[in-house]
Amino acid sequence: MMATRGRPPNPLRAAAKQAGEKFYADQFPCDFCGTNKRYVSNAGCVACAIARGNARYAALDNAQRAILKAKDHERYVERMADEETFE
């Protein structure tokens, strides 16, 4: 008999993935922030991911923010164009 390797699958995450959800409530709170809302895709803490993004954005200077804003707008325009072609 072959032994299984790695961590056993989380049943809460597996159920959320099966249901097509983006988030799930884990039974254990995050070690850093104490919340239990996690992403199904990578089991990462939602609150910590938002905090990291906010900190990363706050560290940008005005020129870098302008570049990021332009990239975000281009991505938005492309997404809107894709949605119009499917309607």
Protein backbone atom coordinates (compact mmCIF):
# COMPACT_ATOMS: atom_id res chain seq x y z
CA MET A 1 0.00 0.00 0.00
CA MET A 2 1.38 3.40 -1.00
CA ALA A 3 1.34 6.21 1.56
CA THR A 4 -0.26 9.50 0.54
CA ARG A 5 1.98 12.52 0.37
CA GLY A 6 1.40 16.07 1.47
CA ARG A 7 -1.37 17.70 3.40
CA PRO A 8 -4.85 16.17 3.22
CA PRO A 9 -7.40 18.24 1.27
CA ASN A 10 -9.49 20.76 3.21
CA PRO A 11 -13.14 19.62 2.99
CA LEU A 12 -14.49 23.19 3.33
CA ARG A 13 -12.29 24.41 0.48
CA ALA A 14 -13.14 21.36 -1.65
CA ALA A 15 -16.88 21.96 -1.14
CA ALA A 16 -16.55 25.65 -2.07
CA LYS A 17 -14.51 24.74 -5.14
CA GLN A 18 -17.14 22.20 -6.20
CA ALA A 19 -19.86 24.87 -5.77
CA GLY A 20 -17.89 27.36 -7.90
CA GLU A 21 -17.36 29.83 -5.06
CA LYS A 22 -14.43 32.27 -4.89
CA PHE A 23 -14.17 32.33 -1.09
CA TYR A 24 -14.77 29.97 1.81
CA ALA A 25 -14.79 30.24 5.60
CA ASP A 26 -11.98 28.12 7.03
CA GLN A 27 -12.24 26.44 10.41
CA PHE A 28 -8.95 27.98 11.56
CA PRO A 29 -8.37 31.75 11.71
CA CYS A 30 -5.44 33.41 9.97
CA ASP A 31 -2.29 33.54 12.09
CA PHE A 32 -1.73 37.20 11.22
CA CYS A 33 -5.10 38.95 11.15
CA GLY A 34 -7.44 36.48 12.84
CA THR A 35 -10.09 36.30 10.09
CA ASN A 36 -11.15 33.05 8.47
CA LYS A 37 -12.26 34.16 4.98
CA ARG A 38 -9.97 32.56 2.41
CA TYR A 39 -9.65 32.31 -1.37
CA VAL A 40 -10.62 28.97 -2.91
CA SER A 41 -7.93 29.29 -5.60
CA ASN A 42 -4.90 29.34 -3.29
CA ALA A 43 -6.29 29.17 0.29
CA GLY A 44 -4.79 32.62 0.97
CA CYS A 45 -6.32 34.95 3.54
CA VAL A 46 -8.52 37.58 1.86
CA ALA A 47 -7.91 40.31 4.48
CA CYS A 48 -4.13 39.82 4.35
CA ALA A 49 -4.12 39.93 0.54
CA ILE A 50 -6.05 43.20 0.58
CA ALA A 51 -3.68 44.67 3.18
CA ARG A 52 -0.63 43.65 1.10
CA GLY A 53 -2.16 45.28 -1.99
CA ASN A 54 -2.93 48.48 -0.11
CA ALA A 55 0.61 48.62 1.29
CA ARG A 56 2.11 47.98 -2.15
CA TYR A 57 0.00 50.78 -3.68
CA ALA A 58 0.84 53.22 -0.86
CA ALA A 59 4.56 52.66 -1.50
CA LEU A 60 4.29 53.82 -5.13
CA ASP A 61 5.25 57.35 -6.14
CA ASN A 62 3.01 59.48 -8.38
CA ALA A 63 4.69 58.39 -11.63
CA GLN A 64 4.34 54.71 -10.74
CA ARG A 65 0.69 55.25 -9.77
CA ALA A 66 0.03 56.88 -13.15
CA ILE A 67 1.56 53.89 -14.95
CA LEU A 68 -0.55 51.50 -12.87
CA LYS A 69 -3.67 53.55 -13.55
CA ALA A 70 -3.03 53.43 -17.32
CA LYS A 71 -2.49 49.64 -17.24
CA ASP A 72 -5.67 49.14 -15.21
CA HIS A 73 -7.64 51.28 -17.67
CA GLU A 74 -6.27 49.35 -20.66
CA ARG A 75 -7.26 46.07 -19.00
CA TYR A 76 -10.75 47.48 -18.30
CA VAL A 77 -11.21 48.62 -21.92
CA GLU A 78 -10.13 45.20 -23.22
CA ARG A 79 -12.55 43.44 -20.85
CA MET A 80 -15.43 45.67 -21.94
CA ALA A 81 -14.61 45.02 -25.60
CA ASP A 82 -14.60 41.25 -24.97
CA GLU A 83 -17.97 41.44 -23.22
CA GLU A 84 -19.49 43.39 -26.12
CA THR A 85 -18.39 40.75 -28.63
CA PHE A 86 -20.13 38.00 -26.65
CA GLU A 87 -23.47 39.82 -26.38
